[in-house]
N, C-alpha and C. Protein backbone atom coordinates (compact mmCIF):
# COMPACT_ATOMS: atom_id res chain seq x y z
N MET A 1 -15.74 -9.54 19.39
CA MET A 1 -15.18 -8.20 19.27
C MET A 1 -16.31 -7.23 18.95
N PRO A 2 -16.35 -6.09 19.59
CA PRO A 2 -17.39 -5.11 19.30
C PRO A 2 -17.10 -4.38 18.00
N GLN A 3 -18.17 -3.90 17.38
CA GLN A 3 -17.99 -3.16 16.12
C GLN A 3 -17.54 -1.74 16.41
N ILE A 4 -16.95 -1.11 15.41
CA ILE A 4 -16.44 0.25 15.53
C ILE A 4 -17.61 1.22 15.44
N GLN A 5 -17.64 2.20 16.32
CA GLN A 5 -18.70 3.22 16.30
C GLN A 5 -18.17 4.47 15.60
N LEU A 6 -18.91 4.95 14.61
CA LEU A 6 -18.52 6.15 13.87
C LEU A 6 -19.57 7.23 14.02
N THR A 7 -19.15 8.46 13.86
CA THR A 7 -20.10 9.57 13.86
C THR A 7 -20.81 9.60 12.51
N PRO A 8 -21.97 10.24 12.44
CA PRO A 8 -22.66 10.33 11.15
C PRO A 8 -21.82 11.02 10.06
N ALA A 9 -21.00 11.98 10.43
CA ALA A 9 -20.16 12.65 9.44
C ALA A 9 -19.10 11.69 8.89
N GLN A 10 -18.50 10.88 9.75
CA GLN A 10 -17.51 9.90 9.29
C GLN A 10 -18.17 8.84 8.41
N ARG A 11 -19.37 8.42 8.80
CA ARG A 11 -20.12 7.44 8.01
C ARG A 11 -20.44 8.00 6.63
N LYS A 12 -20.77 9.28 6.57
CA LYS A 12 -21.09 9.93 5.30
C LYS A 12 -19.88 9.96 4.37
N VAL A 13 -18.69 10.24 4.92
CA VAL A 13 -17.46 10.26 4.13
C VAL A 13 -17.18 8.87 3.55
N HIS A 14 -17.34 7.83 4.38
CA HIS A 14 -17.08 6.47 3.91
C HIS A 14 -18.12 6.03 2.88
N ARG A 15 -19.36 6.46 3.03
CA ARG A 15 -20.39 6.15 2.02
C ARG A 15 -20.01 6.74 0.68
N ALA A 16 -19.51 7.97 0.70
CA ALA A 16 -19.10 8.63 -0.54
C ALA A 16 -17.92 7.91 -1.18
N GLU A 17 -16.97 7.45 -0.36
CA GLU A 17 -15.82 6.72 -0.89
C GLU A 17 -16.21 5.37 -1.47
N ALA A 18 -17.25 4.74 -0.90
CA ALA A 18 -17.67 3.41 -1.33
C ALA A 18 -18.57 3.44 -2.55
N HIS A 19 -19.00 4.61 -2.96
CA HIS A 19 -19.97 4.72 -4.05
C HIS A 19 -19.50 4.03 -5.33
N HIS A 20 -18.26 4.22 -5.70
CA HIS A 20 -17.76 3.68 -6.96
C HIS A 20 -17.21 2.26 -6.84
N LEU A 21 -17.19 1.69 -5.64
CA LEU A 21 -16.61 0.35 -5.44
C LEU A 21 -17.55 -0.74 -5.95
N ASP A 22 -16.96 -1.84 -6.37
CA ASP A 22 -17.71 -3.03 -6.74
C ASP A 22 -17.68 -4.00 -5.57
N PRO A 23 -18.68 -4.89 -5.47
CA PRO A 23 -18.68 -5.87 -4.38
C PRO A 23 -17.46 -6.78 -4.47
N VAL A 24 -16.82 -7.01 -3.34
CA VAL A 24 -15.62 -7.84 -3.28
C VAL A 24 -15.98 -9.24 -2.80
N VAL A 25 -16.95 -9.35 -1.90
CA VAL A 25 -17.35 -10.62 -1.31
C VAL A 25 -18.82 -10.83 -1.63
N MET A 26 -19.18 -12.09 -1.96
CA MET A 26 -20.58 -12.42 -2.21
C MET A 26 -21.00 -13.51 -1.23
N VAL A 27 -22.15 -13.29 -0.60
CA VAL A 27 -22.72 -14.27 0.33
C VAL A 27 -23.81 -14.99 -0.44
N GLY A 28 -23.63 -16.30 -0.62
CA GLY A 28 -24.56 -17.09 -1.41
C GLY A 28 -25.72 -17.63 -0.61
N GLY A 29 -26.31 -18.70 -1.13
CA GLY A 29 -27.49 -19.31 -0.51
C GLY A 29 -27.20 -19.98 0.81
N ASP A 30 -25.95 -20.36 1.06
CA ASP A 30 -25.62 -21.01 2.33
C ASP A 30 -25.54 -20.03 3.49
N GLY A 31 -25.58 -18.76 3.20
CA GLY A 31 -25.53 -17.76 4.25
C GLY A 31 -24.11 -17.45 4.68
N LEU A 32 -23.96 -17.08 5.93
CA LEU A 32 -22.67 -16.65 6.46
C LEU A 32 -21.88 -17.86 6.95
N THR A 33 -21.01 -18.39 6.11
CA THR A 33 -20.18 -19.54 6.46
C THR A 33 -18.82 -19.04 6.97
N PRO A 34 -18.05 -19.90 7.62
CA PRO A 34 -16.71 -19.47 8.06
C PRO A 34 -15.82 -19.03 6.90
N ALA A 35 -16.00 -19.63 5.74
CA ALA A 35 -15.20 -19.24 4.58
C ALA A 35 -15.53 -17.81 4.15
N VAL A 36 -16.81 -17.45 4.20
CA VAL A 36 -17.23 -16.09 3.82
C VAL A 36 -16.68 -15.08 4.82
N VAL A 37 -16.72 -15.44 6.10
CA VAL A 37 -16.19 -14.54 7.14
C VAL A 37 -14.69 -14.35 6.95
N ARG A 38 -13.98 -15.43 6.62
CA ARG A 38 -12.53 -15.34 6.41
C ARG A 38 -12.21 -14.47 5.20
N GLU A 39 -12.94 -14.65 4.10
CA GLU A 39 -12.71 -13.84 2.90
C GLU A 39 -13.03 -12.36 3.16
N THR A 40 -14.07 -12.11 3.92
CA THR A 40 -14.41 -10.73 4.26
C THR A 40 -13.31 -10.10 5.12
N ASP A 41 -12.77 -10.88 6.04
CA ASP A 41 -11.68 -10.38 6.88
C ASP A 41 -10.45 -10.06 6.03
N LEU A 42 -10.11 -10.95 5.09
CA LEU A 42 -8.97 -10.70 4.20
C LEU A 42 -9.20 -9.46 3.34
N ALA A 43 -10.42 -9.29 2.85
CA ALA A 43 -10.73 -8.12 2.02
C ALA A 43 -10.65 -6.84 2.83
N LEU A 44 -11.10 -6.87 4.08
CA LEU A 44 -11.00 -5.69 4.94
C LEU A 44 -9.54 -5.35 5.23
N ASN A 45 -8.71 -6.38 5.42
CA ASN A 45 -7.28 -6.13 5.65
C ASN A 45 -6.63 -5.52 4.42
N ALA A 46 -7.05 -5.97 3.24
CA ALA A 46 -6.42 -5.49 2.01
C ALA A 46 -6.93 -4.12 1.59
N HIS A 47 -8.25 -3.89 1.72
CA HIS A 47 -8.84 -2.67 1.16
C HIS A 47 -9.32 -1.67 2.21
N GLY A 48 -9.73 -2.14 3.36
CA GLY A 48 -10.24 -1.24 4.38
C GLY A 48 -11.73 -0.97 4.24
N LEU A 49 -12.17 -0.58 3.06
CA LEU A 49 -13.57 -0.27 2.79
C LEU A 49 -14.04 -1.21 1.70
N ILE A 50 -15.07 -2.03 1.99
CA ILE A 50 -15.52 -3.01 1.01
C ILE A 50 -17.03 -3.04 0.90
N LYS A 51 -17.49 -3.59 -0.23
CA LYS A 51 -18.90 -3.87 -0.42
C LYS A 51 -19.07 -5.38 -0.42
N VAL A 52 -20.16 -5.83 0.20
CA VAL A 52 -20.51 -7.25 0.25
C VAL A 52 -21.90 -7.39 -0.37
N ARG A 53 -22.05 -8.32 -1.32
CA ARG A 53 -23.35 -8.58 -1.93
C ARG A 53 -23.93 -9.83 -1.31
N VAL A 54 -25.17 -9.72 -0.81
CA VAL A 54 -25.89 -10.86 -0.24
C VAL A 54 -26.97 -11.24 -1.22
N LEU A 55 -26.97 -12.49 -1.67
CA LEU A 55 -27.90 -12.92 -2.70
C LEU A 55 -29.26 -13.35 -2.16
N SER A 56 -29.45 -13.31 -0.88
CA SER A 56 -30.71 -13.71 -0.26
C SER A 56 -31.78 -12.64 -0.46
N ASP A 57 -33.04 -13.07 -0.55
CA ASP A 57 -34.15 -12.13 -0.69
C ASP A 57 -34.73 -11.71 0.64
N ASP A 58 -34.31 -12.33 1.74
CA ASP A 58 -34.84 -12.06 3.06
C ASP A 58 -34.16 -10.83 3.66
N ARG A 59 -34.92 -9.74 3.83
CA ARG A 59 -34.35 -8.49 4.35
C ARG A 59 -33.86 -8.66 5.79
N ALA A 60 -34.62 -9.35 6.61
CA ALA A 60 -34.21 -9.55 8.01
C ALA A 60 -32.93 -10.40 8.08
N GLY A 61 -32.82 -11.38 7.19
CA GLY A 61 -31.61 -12.21 7.15
C GLY A 61 -30.40 -11.40 6.73
N ARG A 62 -30.57 -10.49 5.76
CA ARG A 62 -29.46 -9.63 5.33
C ARG A 62 -29.03 -8.70 6.46
N GLU A 63 -30.00 -8.18 7.18
CA GLU A 63 -29.68 -7.30 8.31
C GLU A 63 -28.92 -8.06 9.40
N ALA A 64 -29.30 -9.31 9.63
CA ALA A 64 -28.60 -10.14 10.63
C ALA A 64 -27.17 -10.42 10.17
N ILE A 65 -26.99 -10.72 8.87
CA ILE A 65 -25.66 -10.96 8.33
C ILE A 65 -24.80 -9.71 8.47
N TYR A 66 -25.40 -8.55 8.19
CA TYR A 66 -24.71 -7.26 8.28
C TYR A 66 -24.19 -7.02 9.69
N GLN A 67 -25.06 -7.20 10.68
CA GLN A 67 -24.65 -6.97 12.07
C GLN A 67 -23.65 -8.02 12.54
N GLN A 68 -23.83 -9.27 12.11
CA GLN A 68 -22.93 -10.33 12.53
C GLN A 68 -21.53 -10.12 11.95
N LEU A 69 -21.44 -9.71 10.68
CA LEU A 69 -20.13 -9.43 10.09
C LEU A 69 -19.44 -8.28 10.81
N ALA A 70 -20.19 -7.22 11.10
CA ALA A 70 -19.61 -6.07 11.79
C ALA A 70 -19.11 -6.45 13.19
N ASP A 71 -19.87 -7.29 13.90
CA ASP A 71 -19.47 -7.70 15.24
C ASP A 71 -18.27 -8.65 15.22
N GLN A 72 -18.30 -9.65 14.34
CA GLN A 72 -17.24 -10.65 14.31
C GLN A 72 -15.91 -10.08 13.84
N LEU A 73 -15.96 -9.16 12.89
CA LEU A 73 -14.73 -8.67 12.27
C LEU A 73 -14.27 -7.33 12.82
N ASN A 74 -14.95 -6.82 13.85
CA ASN A 74 -14.60 -5.53 14.45
C ASN A 74 -14.57 -4.44 13.38
N ALA A 75 -15.63 -4.39 12.59
CA ALA A 75 -15.74 -3.42 11.50
C ALA A 75 -16.90 -2.47 11.79
N ALA A 76 -16.89 -1.35 11.10
CA ALA A 76 -17.96 -0.37 11.25
C ALA A 76 -18.97 -0.59 10.14
N PRO A 77 -20.26 -0.77 10.48
CA PRO A 77 -21.27 -0.87 9.43
C PRO A 77 -21.52 0.53 8.86
N ILE A 78 -21.33 0.68 7.55
CA ILE A 78 -21.46 1.98 6.91
C ILE A 78 -22.83 2.14 6.28
N GLN A 79 -23.24 1.15 5.47
CA GLN A 79 -24.49 1.31 4.73
C GLN A 79 -25.05 -0.05 4.37
N HIS A 80 -26.40 -0.14 4.35
CA HIS A 80 -27.11 -1.33 3.91
C HIS A 80 -28.20 -0.88 2.95
N ILE A 81 -27.92 -1.07 1.66
CA ILE A 81 -28.90 -0.67 0.63
C ILE A 81 -29.22 -1.90 -0.18
N GLY A 82 -30.45 -2.34 -0.12
CA GLY A 82 -30.87 -3.51 -0.88
C GLY A 82 -30.04 -4.72 -0.50
N LYS A 83 -29.36 -5.30 -1.48
CA LYS A 83 -28.55 -6.49 -1.23
C LYS A 83 -27.07 -6.17 -1.04
N LEU A 84 -26.74 -4.87 -0.98
CA LEU A 84 -25.35 -4.46 -0.79
C LEU A 84 -25.11 -4.00 0.64
N LEU A 85 -24.02 -4.47 1.20
CA LEU A 85 -23.58 -4.07 2.54
C LEU A 85 -22.22 -3.41 2.40
N VAL A 86 -22.02 -2.30 3.10
CA VAL A 86 -20.73 -1.61 3.06
C VAL A 86 -20.14 -1.66 4.47
N LEU A 87 -18.90 -2.18 4.56
CA LEU A 87 -18.20 -2.29 5.83
C LEU A 87 -16.87 -1.56 5.74
N TRP A 88 -16.42 -1.02 6.88
CA TRP A 88 -15.14 -0.32 6.94
C TRP A 88 -14.40 -0.73 8.19
N ARG A 89 -13.10 -0.89 8.02
CA ARG A 89 -12.20 -1.12 9.15
C ARG A 89 -10.86 -0.53 8.75
N PRO A 90 -10.17 0.17 9.65
CA PRO A 90 -8.87 0.74 9.28
C PRO A 90 -7.91 -0.37 8.87
N LYS A 91 -7.13 -0.09 7.82
CA LYS A 91 -6.17 -1.08 7.34
C LYS A 91 -5.03 -1.21 8.35
N PRO A 92 -4.57 -2.45 8.61
CA PRO A 92 -3.44 -2.62 9.54
C PRO A 92 -2.15 -2.14 8.89
N GLU A 93 -1.20 -1.76 9.74
CA GLU A 93 0.11 -1.32 9.25
C GLU A 93 0.84 -2.50 8.64
N VAL A 94 1.46 -2.28 7.49
CA VAL A 94 2.19 -3.33 6.80
C VAL A 94 3.61 -3.38 7.34
N GLU A 95 4.05 -4.56 7.75
CA GLU A 95 5.40 -4.71 8.27
C GLU A 95 6.37 -4.89 7.11
N ARG A 96 7.52 -4.29 7.23
CA ARG A 96 8.55 -4.44 6.22
C ARG A 96 9.16 -5.84 6.35
N GLU A 97 9.35 -6.49 5.22
CA GLU A 97 9.90 -7.84 5.25
C GLU A 97 11.42 -7.83 5.40
N ARG A 98 12.06 -6.85 4.79
CA ARG A 98 13.51 -6.79 4.84
C ARG A 98 13.96 -5.49 5.50
N ALA A 99 14.88 -5.61 6.42
CA ALA A 99 15.32 -4.44 7.19
C ALA A 99 16.13 -3.47 6.33
N GLU A 100 16.84 -3.96 5.32
CA GLU A 100 17.68 -3.05 4.54
C GLU A 100 16.85 -2.11 3.68
N ASP A 101 15.61 -2.45 3.38
CA ASP A 101 14.76 -1.56 2.60
C ASP A 101 14.42 -0.28 3.35
N GLU A 102 14.42 -0.34 4.66
CA GLU A 102 14.09 0.85 5.45
C GLU A 102 15.17 1.92 5.31
N ASP A 103 16.42 1.50 5.10
CA ASP A 103 17.51 2.45 4.99
C ASP A 103 17.60 3.07 3.60
N ARG A 104 17.07 2.39 2.60
CA ARG A 104 17.17 2.89 1.23
C ARG A 104 16.16 3.99 1.00
N MET A 105 16.62 5.02 0.34
CA MET A 105 15.74 6.14 0.02
C MET A 105 15.98 6.52 -1.43
N PRO A 106 14.93 6.86 -2.17
CA PRO A 106 15.13 7.26 -3.56
C PRO A 106 15.70 8.67 -3.64
N GLY A 107 16.24 8.98 -4.80
CA GLY A 107 16.69 10.33 -5.04
C GLY A 107 18.15 10.53 -4.71
N PRO A 108 18.61 11.79 -4.79
CA PRO A 108 20.02 12.07 -4.54
C PRO A 108 20.38 11.88 -3.08
N ARG A 109 21.66 11.55 -2.87
CA ARG A 109 22.13 11.40 -1.49
C ARG A 109 23.48 12.09 -1.38
N ASP A 110 23.76 12.61 -0.22
CA ASP A 110 25.02 13.29 0.04
C ASP A 110 25.99 12.31 0.69
N VAL A 111 27.20 12.24 0.14
CA VAL A 111 28.21 11.30 0.62
C VAL A 111 29.45 12.10 1.00
N LYS A 112 30.01 11.78 2.17
CA LYS A 112 31.25 12.43 2.59
C LYS A 112 32.43 11.60 2.11
N VAL A 113 33.39 12.28 1.50
CA VAL A 113 34.58 11.62 0.96
C VAL A 113 35.81 12.21 1.65
N LEU A 114 36.70 11.34 2.13
CA LEU A 114 37.96 11.78 2.73
C LEU A 114 39.05 11.69 1.68
N LYS A 115 39.77 12.80 1.47
CA LYS A 115 40.92 12.79 0.57
C LYS A 115 42.15 12.98 1.43
N PHE A 116 42.99 11.95 1.44
CA PHE A 116 44.18 12.00 2.26
C PHE A 116 45.29 12.73 1.52
N SER A 117 46.08 13.46 2.26
CA SER A 117 47.19 14.21 1.70
C SER A 117 48.36 13.27 1.44
N LYS A 118 49.20 13.65 0.46
CA LYS A 118 50.37 12.83 0.17
C LYS A 118 51.44 13.02 1.25
N ARG A 119 51.35 14.16 1.94
CA ARG A 119 52.25 14.38 3.07
C ARG A 119 51.62 13.73 4.29
N GLY A 120 52.37 13.12 5.09
CA GLY A 120 51.85 12.34 6.20
C GLY A 120 51.25 13.13 7.34
N GLY A 121 51.70 14.34 7.59
CA GLY A 121 51.30 15.04 8.79
C GLY A 121 50.02 15.86 8.68
N GLN A 122 49.43 16.01 7.50
CA GLN A 122 48.26 16.87 7.36
C GLN A 122 46.97 16.09 7.53
N ARG A 123 45.95 16.85 7.92
CA ARG A 123 44.63 16.23 8.08
C ARG A 123 44.04 15.91 6.70
N PRO A 124 43.18 14.87 6.64
CA PRO A 124 42.53 14.59 5.37
C PRO A 124 41.48 15.65 5.06
N GLU A 125 41.29 15.90 3.79
CA GLU A 125 40.30 16.88 3.35
C GLU A 125 38.95 16.17 3.24
N VAL A 126 37.92 16.77 3.83
CA VAL A 126 36.58 16.18 3.81
C VAL A 126 35.75 16.91 2.77
N LYS A 127 35.21 16.17 1.79
CA LYS A 127 34.34 16.74 0.77
C LYS A 127 32.98 16.07 0.86
N THR A 128 31.96 16.87 0.68
CA THR A 128 30.60 16.31 0.60
C THR A 128 30.16 16.36 -0.85
N LEU A 129 29.86 15.20 -1.41
CA LEU A 129 29.45 15.10 -2.80
C LEU A 129 28.00 14.65 -2.87
N ARG A 130 27.28 15.19 -3.82
CA ARG A 130 25.90 14.76 -4.06
C ARG A 130 25.91 13.73 -5.17
N VAL A 131 25.40 12.53 -4.87
CA VAL A 131 25.37 11.43 -5.82
C VAL A 131 23.92 11.21 -6.22
N LEU A 132 23.64 11.30 -7.51
CA LEU A 132 22.29 11.11 -8.02
C LEU A 132 22.01 9.63 -8.25
N GLY A 133 20.78 9.32 -8.63
CA GLY A 133 20.37 7.93 -8.80
C GLY A 133 21.11 7.22 -9.91
N ASN A 134 21.53 7.94 -10.96
CA ASN A 134 22.23 7.30 -12.07
C ASN A 134 23.74 7.40 -11.93
N GLN A 135 24.25 7.71 -10.74
CA GLN A 135 25.67 7.89 -10.54
C GLN A 135 26.16 6.92 -9.46
N ARG A 136 27.47 6.71 -9.46
CA ARG A 136 28.08 5.90 -8.41
C ARG A 136 29.38 6.56 -7.99
N LEU A 137 29.85 6.19 -6.83
CA LEU A 137 31.07 6.75 -6.28
C LEU A 137 32.17 5.70 -6.39
N THR A 138 33.31 6.06 -6.98
CA THR A 138 34.42 5.11 -7.12
C THR A 138 35.23 5.07 -5.83
N ALA A 139 36.15 4.12 -5.77
CA ALA A 139 37.00 3.99 -4.59
C ALA A 139 37.92 5.19 -4.43
N GLY A 140 38.25 5.87 -5.52
CA GLY A 140 39.11 7.05 -5.45
C GLY A 140 38.37 8.31 -5.09
N GLY A 141 37.05 8.25 -4.90
CA GLY A 141 36.28 9.43 -4.51
C GLY A 141 35.74 10.22 -5.68
N LYS A 142 35.73 9.63 -6.87
CA LYS A 142 35.19 10.32 -8.04
C LYS A 142 33.78 9.84 -8.31
N VAL A 143 32.97 10.74 -8.87
CA VAL A 143 31.59 10.40 -9.21
C VAL A 143 31.56 9.98 -10.67
N LYS A 144 31.04 8.78 -10.93
CA LYS A 144 30.92 8.28 -12.30
C LYS A 144 29.44 8.25 -12.66
N ARG A 145 29.16 8.72 -13.85
CA ARG A 145 27.78 8.69 -14.33
C ARG A 145 27.56 7.43 -15.14
N ALA A 146 26.33 6.97 -15.14
CA ALA A 146 25.99 5.82 -15.96
C ALA A 146 26.04 6.22 -17.42
N LYS A 147 26.60 5.35 -18.23
CA LYS A 147 26.71 5.65 -19.65
C LYS A 147 25.36 5.40 -20.31
N PRO A 148 24.98 6.24 -21.26
CA PRO A 148 23.72 5.99 -21.96
C PRO A 148 23.84 4.71 -22.79
N LYS A 149 22.77 3.95 -22.82
CA LYS A 149 22.78 2.69 -23.55
C LYS A 149 22.74 2.99 -25.05
N PRO A 150 23.52 2.27 -25.82
CA PRO A 150 23.45 2.49 -27.27
C PRO A 150 22.15 1.94 -27.82
N PRO A 151 21.64 2.56 -28.89
CA PRO A 151 20.39 2.03 -29.47
C PRO A 151 20.61 0.61 -29.99
N THR A 152 19.67 -0.25 -29.72
CA THR A 152 19.85 -1.65 -30.09
C THR A 152 18.97 -2.07 -31.25
N SER A 153 17.92 -1.34 -31.53
CA SER A 153 17.03 -1.78 -32.60
C SER A 153 17.62 -1.45 -33.96
N VAL A 154 17.23 -2.19 -34.95
CA VAL A 154 17.73 -2.01 -36.31
C VAL A 154 17.32 -0.63 -36.84
N LYS A 155 16.11 -0.24 -36.52
CA LYS A 155 15.59 1.05 -36.98
C LYS A 155 16.40 2.21 -36.43
N LYS A 156 16.73 2.13 -35.14
CA LYS A 156 17.49 3.19 -34.51
C LYS A 156 18.93 3.22 -35.02
N ARG A 157 19.52 2.05 -35.32
CA ARG A 157 20.88 2.01 -35.84
C ARG A 157 20.97 2.64 -37.23
N SER A 158 19.91 2.46 -38.04
CA SER A 158 19.93 3.02 -39.40
C SER A 158 19.72 4.53 -39.37
N GLN A 159 19.09 5.07 -38.32
CA GLN A 159 18.84 6.50 -38.24
C GLN A 159 20.10 7.27 -37.87
N THR A 160 21.02 6.66 -37.16
CA THR A 160 22.23 7.38 -36.73
C THR A 160 23.36 7.29 -37.72
């Protein structure tokens, strides 16, 4: 896979973002092993922008590791300073595990309630009620609020 090409301005923004980061992956004396490549890939998926520390003293070897990681993982090489390498790859979209979570939304919601007339021939009355997070709607169409919890600690009971 080819590495991502960035403009110098984009590279500068990512360098600034990476300044405060700590190294997430360390490349030891064995060099670039499949386990290191896998951990780097997982870190890029989780964080997007990472620092890699290479413990080798060979500058040419570090440069080769830098280019090889960028090529294998389809990442953009951002910076190589001393023994630190900075790589960036856009984070993948996270898939929702449960479909019902997509329908849930925090905050108040508007609910339509039908009130049927006691006389048979009339249309039902449609009311729109706003239900807050601490409220629920009963079967009769009334809004019930959650009751405040009574104090349970001994200290709070003695104060009241």
